[in-house]
Amino acid sequence: MESFSSSFPYAPLWVLALVFFASLILARELGAFVRARQGPREAGESEAFAMTSVLGLLALLIGFTFSIALSRYEARRELVVKEANAIGTTWLRMQMLDDVDRARMEAQLRRYVDARVAFGQAATDAEELAQYRRTEALQTELWTALMSVIAPFRDSPRASLLVSTANESIDLAAERFATRQAHIPKRILRLLWLFALLAAAMVGYERASHRKSTTVLLILFTLAATLVVDLDRPSTGKINVPQQPMLDLRDSLGPPSPAARIPRVSPAGSTTQE
């Protein structure tokens, strides 16, 4: 299943689940075929023990893999909250600036928040990468503007407060991108698939006449494996990290205040509002 996912990263999740389920059915039928070739006989204790052991090991492996995927999902969720809080703190500390400088920085930060929301809502890996590149460009603009604004008082505690939260926001953006790029190791998923095939073959060998019950069992295996893969696909999966903290932050910033628009000198020399 992992190899198929690597070859077709944009394949729908249901296609991957169908391929995984079909491979289990084939493995079961292969086990039943081998048993039929040997002729009718009663199952021995050693064979039943082998099937039980394989099924138990498969359950343990699925649980272990699910734990990895779920922990990374939780890490991504917590980073959204942390980044929203860091940006919100930066916004509040910008209120210490003069009106013109504050309006300039607020405009920059609004654009930055829009980019971060778009990053979190990216539906494909390519869109996610494009939004992160946009984030990096806006980070450069934001940092340059901040350095220009605090230049007159760069050695004061006020400048330190602004720089610390802005720097934290930038660091958290990089950390979010790194966690979204971190996936379950390929070897673990290959091992999961291998044990699932072996378990299906053992089930077919030991329970060849129980087609309905074994099919239900294989469906449960497929659902469990599909859930693991879904959690491991933060962009293209169906279980996505809620972006509500960032959306709430964007709503709390509100529209630019007309009274705080940045004055700009026109080519003719008159002052206009930007």
C-alpha atoms as a PDB file:
ATOM      1  CA  MET A   1       0.000   0.000   0.000  1.00  0.00           C
ATOM      2  CA  GLU A   2       2.822   2.405   0.822  1.00  0.00           C
ATOM      3  CA  SER A   3       4.598   1.691  -2.476  1.00  0.00           C
ATOM      4  CA  PHE A   4       1.391   2.406  -4.361  1.00  0.00           C
ATOM      5  CA  SER A   5       0.925   5.609  -2.349  1.00  0.00           C
ATOM      6  CA  SER A   6       4.497   6.692  -3.125  1.00  0.00           C
ATOM      7  CA  SER A   7       4.036   6.052  -6.832  1.00  0.00           C
ATOM      8  CA  PHE A   8       0.677   7.859  -6.942  1.00  0.00           C
ATOM      9  CA  PRO A   9       0.777  10.518  -4.200  1.00  0.00           C
ATOM     10  CA  TYR A  10      -2.346  12.233  -5.537  1.00  0.00           C
ATOM     11  CA  ALA A  11      -4.401   9.034  -5.867  1.00  0.00           C
ATOM     12  CA  PRO A  12      -7.684   9.208  -3.947  1.00  0.00           C
ATOM     13  CA  LEU A  13      -7.692   7.474  -0.606  1.00  0.00           C
ATOM     14  CA  TRP A  14     -10.472   5.127  -1.674  1.00  0.00           C
ATOM     15  CA  VAL A  15      -8.318   3.863  -4.553  1.00  0.00           C
ATOM     16  CA  LEU A  16      -5.500   3.002  -2.144  1.00  0.00           C
ATOM     17  CA  ALA A  17      -7.985   1.279   0.162  1.00  0.00           C
ATOM     18  CA  LEU A  18      -9.422  -0.726  -2.738  1.00  0.00           C
ATOM     19  CA  VAL A  19      -5.965  -1.865  -3.862  1.00  0.00           C
ATOM     20  CA  PHE A  20      -5.072  -2.858  -0.297  1.00  0.00           C
ATOM     21  CA  PHE A  21      -8.324  -4.792   0.160  1.00  0.00           C
ATOM     22  CA  ALA A  22      -7.957  -6.541  -3.200  1.00  0.00           C
ATOM     23  CA  SER A  23      -4.428  -7.657  -2.286  1.00  0.00           C
ATOM     24  CA  LEU A  24      -5.739  -9.132   0.978  1.00  0.00           C
ATOM     25  CA  ILE A  25      -8.486 -11.006  -0.844  1.00  0.00           C
ATOM     26  CA  LEU A  26      -5.935 -12.435  -3.276  1.00  0.00           C
ATOM     27  CA  ALA A  27      -3.706 -13.495  -0.394  1.00  0.00           C
ATOM     28  CA  ARG A  28      -6.640 -15.189   1.326  1.00  0.00           C
ATOM     29  CA  GLU A  29      -7.608 -17.051  -1.833  1.00  0.00           C
ATOM     30  CA  LEU A  30      -4.008 -18.141  -2.290  1.00  0.00           C
ATOM     31  CA  GLY A  31      -4.005 -19.566   1.230  1.00  0.00           C
ATOM     32  CA  ALA A  32      -7.305 -21.343   0.567  1.00  0.00           C
ATOM     33  CA  PHE A  33      -5.911 -22.750  -2.690  1.00  0.00           C
ATOM     34  CA  VAL A  34      -2.851 -24.159  -0.932  1.00  0.00           C
ATOM     35  CA  ARG A  35      -5.102 -25.754   1.699  1.00  0.00           C
ATOM     36  CA  ALA A  36      -7.337 -27.295  -0.983  1.00  0.00           C
ATOM     37  CA  ARG A  37      -4.297 -28.782  -2.725  1.00  0.00           C
ATOM     38  CA  GLN A  38      -3.344 -30.567   0.478  1.00  0.00           C
ATOM     39  CA  GLY A  39      -6.735 -32.249   0.755  1.00  0.00           C
ATOM     40  CA  PRO A  40      -9.236 -32.170   3.625  1.00  0.00           C
ATOM     41  CA  ARG A  41      -7.800 -32.544   7.103  1.00  0.00           C
ATOM     42  CA  GLU A  42      -8.327 -31.134  10.572  1.00  0.00           C
ATOM     43  CA  ALA A  43      -6.418 -28.044  11.595  1.00  0.00           C
ATOM     44  CA  GLY A  44      -3.577 -28.764  13.964  1.00  0.00           C
ATOM     45  CA  GLU A  45      -2.804 -26.808  17.083  1.00  0.00           C
ATOM     46  CA  SER A  46       0.442 -25.514  15.594  1.00  0.00           C
ATOM     47  CA  GLU A  47      -1.358 -24.114  12.538  1.00  0.00           C
ATOM     48  CA  ALA A  48      -4.032 -22.428  14.652  1.00  0.00           C
ATOM     49  CA  PHE A  49      -1.319 -21.006  16.912  1.00  0.00           C
ATOM     50  CA  ALA A  50       0.537 -19.625  13.883  1.00  0.00           C
ATOM     51  CA  MET A  51      -2.582 -17.888  12.549  1.00  0.00           C
ATOM     52  CA  THR A  52      -3.404 -16.424  15.956  1.00  0.00           C
ATOM     53  CA  SER A  53       0.147 -15.204  16.411  1.00  0.00           C
ATOM     54  CA  VAL A  54       0.241 -13.533  13.001  1.00  0.00           C
ATOM     55  CA  LEU A  55      -3.112 -11.823  13.596  1.00  0.00           C
ATOM     56  CA  GLY A  56      -1.963 -10.613  17.009  1.00  0.00           C
ATOM     57  CA  LEU A  57       1.284  -9.292  15.611  1.00  0.00           C
ATOM     58  CA  LEU A  58      -0.592  -7.532  12.824  1.00  0.00           C
ATOM     59  CA  ALA A  59      -2.908  -5.885  15.354  1.00  0.00           C
ATOM     60  CA  LEU A  60       0.101  -4.755  17.358  1.00  0.00           C
ATOM     61  CA  LEU A  61       1.792  -3.331  14.276  1.00  0.00           C
ATOM     62  CA  ILE A  62      -1.350  -1.473  13.189  1.00  0.00           C
ATOM     63  CA  GLY A  63      -1.732  -0.029  16.689  1.00  0.00           C
ATOM     64  CA  PHE A  64       1.902   1.055  16.750  1.00  0.00           C
ATOM     65  CA  THR A  65       1.652   2.695  13.329  1.00  0.00           C
ATOM     66  CA  PHE A  66      -1.621   4.380  14.227  1.00  0.00           C
ATOM     67  CA  SER A  67       0.010   5.776  17.369  1.00  0.00           C
ATOM     68  CA  ILE A  68       2.775   7.357  15.280  1.00  0.00           C
ATOM     69  CA  ALA A  69       0.298   8.902  12.828  1.00  0.00           C
ATOM     70  CA  LEU A  70      -1.979  10.189  15.606  1.00  0.00           C
ATOM     71  CA  SER A  71       0.890  11.744  17.578  1.00  0.00           C
ATOM     72  CA  ARG A  72       2.027  13.651  14.487  1.00  0.00           C
ATOM     73  CA  TYR A  73      -1.542  14.785  13.847  1.00  0.00           C
ATOM     74  CA  GLU A  74      -1.713  16.131  17.400  1.00  0.00           C
ATOM     75  CA  ALA A  75       1.647  17.853  16.941  1.00  0.00           C
ATOM     76  CA  ARG A  76       0.373  19.594  13.805  1.00  0.00           C
ATOM     77  CA  ARG A  77      -2.801  20.658  15.614  1.00  0.00           C
ATOM     78  CA  GLU A  78      -0.896  22.125  18.561  1.00  0.00           C
ATOM     79  CA  LEU A  79       1.424  24.062  16.256  1.00  0.00           C
ATOM     80  CA  VAL A  80      -1.560  25.764  14.614  1.00  0.00           C
ATOM     81  CA  VAL A  81      -2.672  27.028  18.023  1.00  0.00           C
ATOM     82  CA  LYS A  82       0.852  28.106  18.988  1.00  0.00           C
ATOM     83  CA  GLU A  83       1.416  29.992  15.741  1.00  0.00           C
ATOM     84  CA  ALA A  84      -1.942  31.749  15.983  1.00  0.00           C
ATOM     85  CA  ASN A  85      -1.101  32.819  19.530  1.00  0.00           C
ATOM     86  CA  ALA A  86       2.367  34.037  18.525  1.00  0.00           C
ATOM     87  CA  ILE A  87       1.019  36.092  15.629  1.00  0.00           C
ATOM     88  CA  GLY A  88      -1.760  37.445  17.826  1.00  0.00           C
ATOM     89  CA  THR A  89       0.802  38.532  20.422  1.00  0.00           C
ATOM     90  CA  THR A  90       2.841  40.218  17.697  1.00  0.00           C
ATOM     91  CA  TRP A  91      -0.277  42.091  16.598  1.00  0.00           C
ATOM     92  CA  LEU A  92      -0.984  43.298  20.133  1.00  0.00           C
ATOM     93  CA  ARG A  93       2.590  44.475  20.663  1.00  0.00           C
ATOM     94  CA  MET A  94       2.429  46.418  17.421  1.00  0.00           C
ATOM     95  CA  GLN A  95      -0.052  48.707  19.146  1.00  0.00           C
ATOM     96  CA  MET A  96       2.943  50.264  20.917  1.00  0.00           C
ATOM     97  CA  LEU A  97       4.099  51.771  17.616  1.00  0.00           C
ATOM     98  CA  ASP A  98       3.216  55.180  16.264  1.00  0.00           C
ATOM     99  CA  ASP A  99       0.152  55.409  14.031  1.00  0.00           C
ATOM    100  CA  VAL A 100       1.988  55.427  10.695  1.00  0.00           C
ATOM    101  CA  ASP A 101       4.374  52.624  11.633  1.00  0.00           C
ATOM    102  CA  ARG A 102       1.586  50.612  13.201  1.00  0.00           C
ATOM    103  CA  ALA A 103      -0.576  50.864  10.085  1.00  0.00           C
ATOM    104  CA  ARG A 104       2.350  49.762   7.940  1.00  0.00           C
ATOM    105  CA  MET A 105       3.106  46.721  10.110  1.00  0.00           C
ATOM    106  CA  GLU A 106      -0.548  45.782  10.497  1.00  0.00           C
ATOM    107  CA  ALA A 107      -0.969  45.718   6.720  1.00  0.00           C
ATOM    108  CA  GLN A 108       2.059  43.444   6.427  1.00  0.00           C
ATOM    109  CA  LEU A 109       0.795  41.148   9.164  1.00  0.00           C
ATOM    110  CA  ARG A 110      -2.673  40.845   7.617  1.00  0.00           C
ATOM    111  CA  ARG A 111      -1.125  39.650   4.373  1.00  0.00           C
ATOM    112  CA  TYR A 112       1.025  37.232   6.323  1.00  0.00           C
ATOM    113  CA  VAL A 113      -1.972  35.774   8.179  1.00  0.00           C
ATOM    114  CA  ASP A 114      -3.812  35.296   4.867  1.00  0.00           C
ATOM    115  CA  ALA A 115      -0.822  33.337   3.573  1.00  0.00           C
ATOM    116  CA  ARG A 116      -0.730  31.159   6.692  1.00  0.00           C
ATOM    117  CA  VAL A 117      -4.441  30.389   6.383  1.00  0.00           C
ATOM    118  CA  ALA A 118      -3.947  29.434   2.729  1.00  0.00           C
ATOM    119  CA  PHE A 119      -1.029  27.205   3.728  1.00  0.00           C
ATOM    120  CA  GLY A 120      -3.127  25.349   6.277  1.00  0.00           C
ATOM    121  CA  GLN A 121      -5.963  24.879   3.789  1.00  0.00           C
ATOM    122  CA  ALA A 122      -3.748  23.607   0.949  1.00  0.00           C
ATOM    123  CA  ALA A 123      -5.392  20.582  -0.699  1.00  0.00           C
ATOM    124  CA  THR A 124      -2.335  19.234  -2.515  1.00  0.00           C
ATOM    125  CA  ASP A 125       1.366  18.872  -1.794  1.00  0.00           C
ATOM    126  CA  ALA A 126       2.187  21.271  -4.649  1.00  0.00           C
ATOM    127  CA  GLU A 127      -0.177  23.936  -3.310  1.00  0.00           C
ATOM    128  CA  GLU A 128       1.237  23.501   0.184  1.00  0.00           C
ATOM    129  CA  LEU A 129       4.781  24.038  -1.097  1.00  0.00           C
ATOM    130  CA  ALA A 130       3.712  27.078  -3.128  1.00  0.00           C
ATOM    131  CA  GLN A 131       2.016  28.641  -0.106  1.00  0.00           C
ATOM    132  CA  TYR A 132       5.087  28.024   2.043  1.00  0.00           C
ATOM    133  CA  ARG A 133       7.285  29.751  -0.552  1.00  0.00           C
ATOM    134  CA  ARG A 134       4.839  32.661  -0.413  1.00  0.00           C
ATOM    135  CA  THR A 135       5.133  32.587   3.384  1.00  0.00           C
ATOM    136  CA  GLU A 136       8.928  32.810   3.174  1.00  0.00           C
ATOM    137  CA  ALA A 137       8.705  35.821   0.873  1.00  0.00           C
ATOM    138  CA  LEU A 138       6.270  37.569   3.207  1.00  0.00           C
ATOM    139  CA  GLN A 139       8.471  36.748   6.188  1.00  0.00           C
ATOM    140  CA  THR A 140      11.339  38.585   4.518  1.00  0.00           C
ATOM    141  CA  GLU A 141       9.106  41.594   3.849  1.00  0.00           C
ATOM    142  CA  LEU A 142       7.721  41.538   7.387  1.00  0.00           C
ATOM    143  CA  TRP A 143      11.138  41.297   8.988  1.00  0.00           C
ATOM    144  CA  THR A 144      12.579  44.059   6.783  1.00  0.00           C
ATOM    145  CA  ALA A 145       9.670  46.341   7.624  1.00  0.00           C
ATOM    146  CA  LEU A 146      10.020  45.566  11.330  1.00  0.00           C
ATOM    147  CA  MET A 147      13.736  46.355  11.339  1.00  0.00           C
ATOM    148  CA  SER A 148      13.000  49.658   9.652  1.00  0.00           C
ATOM    149  CA  VAL A 149      10.271  50.551  12.129  1.00  0.00           C
ATOM    150  CA  ILE A 150      12.265  49.758  15.293  1.00  0.00           C
ATOM    151  CA  ALA A 151      15.501  51.350  14.046  1.00  0.00           C
ATOM    152  CA  PRO A 152      15.015  54.547  16.101  1.00  0.00           C
ATOM    153  CA  PHE A 153      14.580  52.557  19.343  1.00  0.00           C
ATOM    154  CA  ARG A 154      16.215  49.206  18.520  1.00  0.00           C
ATOM    155  CA  ASP A 155      18.036  49.025  21.889  1.00  0.00           C
ATOM    156  CA  SER A 156      14.880  49.532  23.952  1.00  0.00           C
ATOM    157  CA  PRO A 157      12.711  46.861  25.634  1.00  0.00           C
ATOM    158  CA  ARG A 158       9.880  47.751  23.249  1.00  0.00           C
ATOM    159  CA  ALA A 159      11.984  46.674  20.265  1.00  0.00           C
ATOM    160  CA  SER A 160      12.938  43.449  22.039  1.00  0.00           C
ATOM    161  CA  LEU A 161       9.289  42.588  22.630  1.00  0.00           C
ATOM    162  CA  LEU A 162       8.398  43.091  18.980  1.00  0.00           C
ATOM    163  CA  VAL A 163      11.383  41.168  17.646  1.00  0.00           C
ATOM    164  CA  SER A 164      10.911  38.190  19.975  1.00  0.00           C
ATOM    165  CA  THR A 165       7.305  37.496  18.993  1.00  0.00           C
ATOM    166  CA  ALA A 166       7.918  38.115  15.290  1.00  0.00           C
ATOM    167  CA  ASN A 167      10.852  35.715  15.401  1.00  0.00           C
ATOM    168  CA  GLU A 168       8.743  33.124  17.224  1.00  0.00           C
ATOM    169  CA  SER A 169       6.049  33.385  14.552  1.00  0.00           C
ATOM    170  CA  ILE A 170       8.607  32.776  11.808  1.00  0.00           C
ATOM    171  CA  ASP A 171      10.101  29.803  13.663  1.00  0.00           C
ATOM    172  CA  LEU A 172       6.690  28.229  14.185  1.00  0.00           C
ATOM    173  CA  ALA A 173       5.898  28.545  10.472  1.00  0.00           C
ATOM    174  CA  ALA A 174       9.033  26.573   9.648  1.00  0.00           C
ATOM    175  CA  GLU A 175       8.190  24.000  12.315  1.00  0.00           C
ATOM    176  CA  ARG A 176       4.681  23.554  10.931  1.00  0.00           C
ATOM    177  CA  PHE A 177       6.061  22.951   7.462  1.00  0.00           C
ATOM    178  CA  ALA A 178       8.543  20.400   8.800  1.00  0.00           C
ATOM    179  CA  THR A 179       5.859  18.472  10.701  1.00  0.00           C
ATOM    180  CA  ARG A 180       3.622  18.354   7.626  1.00  0.00           C
ATOM    181  CA  GLN A 181       6.517  16.932   5.631  1.00  0.00           C
ATOM    182  CA  ALA A 182       7.252  14.246   8.240  1.00  0.00           C
ATOM    183  CA  HIS A 183       5.596  10.933   7.398  1.00  0.00           C
ATOM    184  CA  ILE A 184       5.574   7.421   8.797  1.00  0.00           C
ATOM    185  CA  PRO A 185       8.803   5.658   7.744  1.00  0.00           C
ATOM    186  CA  LYS A 186       8.350   3.697   4.529  1.00  0.00           C
ATOM    187  CA  ARG A 187       9.813   0.542   6.048  1.00  0.00           C
ATOM    188  CA  ILE A 188       7.112   0.459   8.720  1.00  0.00           C
ATOM    189  CA  LEU A 189       4.326   0.723   6.149  1.00  0.00           C
ATOM    190  CA  ARG A 190       5.935  -1.948   3.988  1.00  0.00           C
ATOM    191  CA  LEU A 191       6.118  -4.222   7.013  1.00  0.00           C
ATOM    192  CA  LEU A 192       2.470  -3.490   7.790  1.00  0.00           C
ATOM    193  CA  TRP A 193       1.448  -4.485   4.276  1.00  0.00           C
ATOM    194  CA  LEU A 194       3.608  -7.613   4.377  1.00  0.00           C
ATOM    195  CA  PHE A 195       2.113  -8.801   7.654  1.00  0.00           C
ATOM    196  CA  ALA A 196      -1.401  -8.020   6.432  1.00  0.00           C
ATOM    197  CA  LEU A 197      -0.826 -10.213   3.361  1.00  0.00           C
ATOM    198  CA  LEU A 198       0.642 -12.975   5.490  1.00  0.00           C
ATOM    199  CA  ALA A 199      -2.261 -12.781   7.923  1.00  0.00           C
ATOM    200  CA  ALA A 200      -4.782 -12.903   5.063  1.00  0.00           C
ATOM    201  CA  ALA A 201      -3.046 -15.951   3.609  1.00  0.00           C
ATOM    202  CA  MET A 202      -3.069 -17.689   7.007  1.00  0.00           C
ATOM    203  CA  VAL A 203      -6.763 -16.882   7.449  1.00  0.00           C
ATOM    204  CA  GLY A 204      -7.528 -18.335   4.015  1.00  0.00           C
ATOM    205  CA  TYR A 205      -5.498 -21.438   4.806  1.00  0.00           C
ATOM    206  CA  GLU A 206      -7.138 -22.052   8.185  1.00  0.00           C
ATOM    207  CA  ARG A 207     -10.670 -20.775   7.459  1.00  0.00           C
ATOM    208  CA  ALA A 208     -11.166 -21.435   3.756  1.00  0.00           C
ATOM    209  CA  SER A 209     -14.829 -22.309   4.246  1.00  0.00           C
ATOM    210  CA  HIS A 210     -15.654 -19.148   6.206  1.00  0.00           C
ATOM    211  CA  ARG A 211     -15.713 -16.669   3.348  1.00  0.00           C
ATOM    212  CA  LYS A 212     -18.147 -14.169   4.877  1.00  0.00           C
ATOM    213  CA  SER A 213     -16.529 -13.889   8.287  1.00  0.00           C
ATOM    214  CA  THR A 214     -13.007 -13.672   6.850  1.00  0.00           C
ATOM    215  CA  THR A 215     -14.126 -11.003   4.366  1.00  0.00           C
ATOM    216  CA  VAL A 216     -15.431  -8.904   7.267  1.00  0.00           C
ATOM    217  CA  LEU A 217     -12.091  -9.362   9.014  1.00  0.00           C
ATOM    218  CA  LEU A 218     -10.185  -8.199   5.932  1.00  0.00           C
ATOM    219  CA  ILE A 219     -12.485  -5.186   5.629  1.00  0.00           C
ATOM    220  CA  LEU A 220     -11.599  -4.231   9.202  1.00  0.00           C
ATOM    221  CA  PHE A 221      -7.896  -4.570   8.386  1.00  0.00           C
ATOM    222  CA  THR A 222      -8.411  -2.317   5.366  1.00  0.00           C
ATOM    223  CA  LEU A 223     -10.269   0.334   7.360  1.00  0.00           C
ATOM    224  CA  ALA A 224      -7.538   0.385  10.011  1.00  0.00           C
ATOM    225  CA  ALA A 225      -4.736   0.691   7.432  1.00  0.00           C
ATOM    226  CA  THR A 226      -6.669   3.361   5.506  1.00  0.00           C
ATOM    227  CA  LEU A 227      -7.100   5.389   8.682  1.00  0.00           C
ATOM    228  CA  VAL A 228      -3.343   5.280   9.283  1.00  0.00           C
ATOM    229  CA  VAL A 229      -2.586   6.467   5.737  1.00  0.00           C
ATOM    230  CA  ASP A 230      -5.244   9.181   6.007  1.00  0.00           C
ATOM    231  CA  LEU A 231      -3.682  10.581   9.174  1.00  0.00           C
ATOM    232  CA  ASP A 232      -0.296  10.491   7.464  1.00  0.00           C
ATOM    233  CA  ARG A 233      -1.471  12.720   4.578  1.00  0.00           C
ATOM    234  CA  PRO A 234      -2.005  16.208   6.080  1.00  0.00           C
ATOM    235  CA  SER A 235      -2.648  17.852   2.698  1.00  0.00           C
ATOM    236  CA  THR A 236      -4.431  15.239   0.594  1.00  0.00           C
ATOM    237  CA  GLY A 237      -6.069  13.203   3.363  1.00  0.00           C
ATOM    238  CA  LYS A 238      -9.618  13.524   4.627  1.00  0.00           C
ATOM    239  CA  ILE A 239      -8.647  13.982   8.284  1.00  0.00           C
ATOM    240  CA  ASN A 240      -7.192  17.476   8.277  1.00  0.00           C
ATOM    241  CA  VAL A 241      -5.986  19.584  11.176  1.00  0.00           C
ATOM    242  CA  PRO A 242      -8.620  22.245  12.031  1.00  0.00           C
ATOM    243  CA  GLN A 243      -7.502  25.715  11.000  1.00  0.00           C
ATOM    244  CA  GLN A 244     -10.052  27.476  13.199  1.00  0.00           C
ATOM    245  CA  PRO A 245      -7.427  29.191  15.441  1.00  0.00           C
ATOM    246  CA  MET A 246      -5.897  30.880  12.377  1.00  0.00           C
ATOM    247  CA  LEU A 247      -9.332  31.755  10.996  1.00  0.00           C
ATOM    248  CA  ASP A 248     -10.340  33.258  14.325  1.00  0.00           C
ATOM    249  CA  LEU A 249      -7.107  35.240  14.365  1.00  0.00           C
ATOM    250  CA  ARG A 250      -7.748  36.607  10.878  1.00  0.00           C
ATOM    251  CA  ASP A 251     -11.280  37.621  11.863  1.00  0.00           C
ATOM    252  CA  SER A 252     -10.019  39.298  15.036  1.00  0.00           C
ATOM    253  CA  LEU A 253      -7.615  41.487  13.059  1.00  0.00           C
ATOM    254  CA  GLY A 254     -10.527  43.045  11.208  1.00  0.00           C
ATOM    255  CA  PRO A 255     -10.323  45.326   8.160  1.00  0.00           C
ATOM    256  CA  PRO A 256      -7.750  48.113   7.986  1.00  0.00           C
ATOM    257  CA  SER A 257      -8.844  51.216   9.852  1.00  0.00           C
ATOM    258  CA  PRO A 258      -9.443  54.180   7.475  1.00  0.00           C
ATOM    259  CA  ALA A 259      -7.922  56.498  10.043  1.00  0.00           C
ATOM    260  CA  ALA A 260      -4.716  54.478  10.147  1.00  0.00           C
ATOM    261  CA  ARG A 261      -3.974  54.191   6.445  1.00  0.00           C
ATOM    262  CA  ILE A 262      -0.408  54.809   5.402  1.00  0.00           C
ATOM    263  CA  PRO A 263       0.197  58.260   3.914  1.00  0.00           C
ATOM    264  CA  ARG A 264       1.990  58.204   0.589  1.00  0.00           C
ATOM    265  CA  VAL A 265       3.428  61.051  -1.432  1.00  0.00           C
ATOM    266  CA  SER A 266       2.179  61.100  -5.027  1.00  0.00           C
ATOM    267  CA  PRO A 267       4.460  61.982  -7.978  1.00  0.00           C
ATOM    268  CA  ALA A 268       2.889  65.419  -8.085  1.00  0.00           C
ATOM    269  CA  GLY A 269       3.993  66.051  -4.522  1.00  0.00           C
ATOM    270  CA  SER A 270       0.569  65.893  -2.842  1.00  0.00           C
ATOM    271  CA  THR A 271      -0.102  63.554   0.055  1.00  0.00           C
ATOM    272  CA  THR A 272      -2.586  60.721  -0.492  1.00  0.00           C
ATOM    273  CA  GLN A 273      -3.851  57.846   1.644  1.00  0.00           C
ATOM    274  CA  GLU A 274      -2.816  54.269   0.834  1.00  0.00           C
END
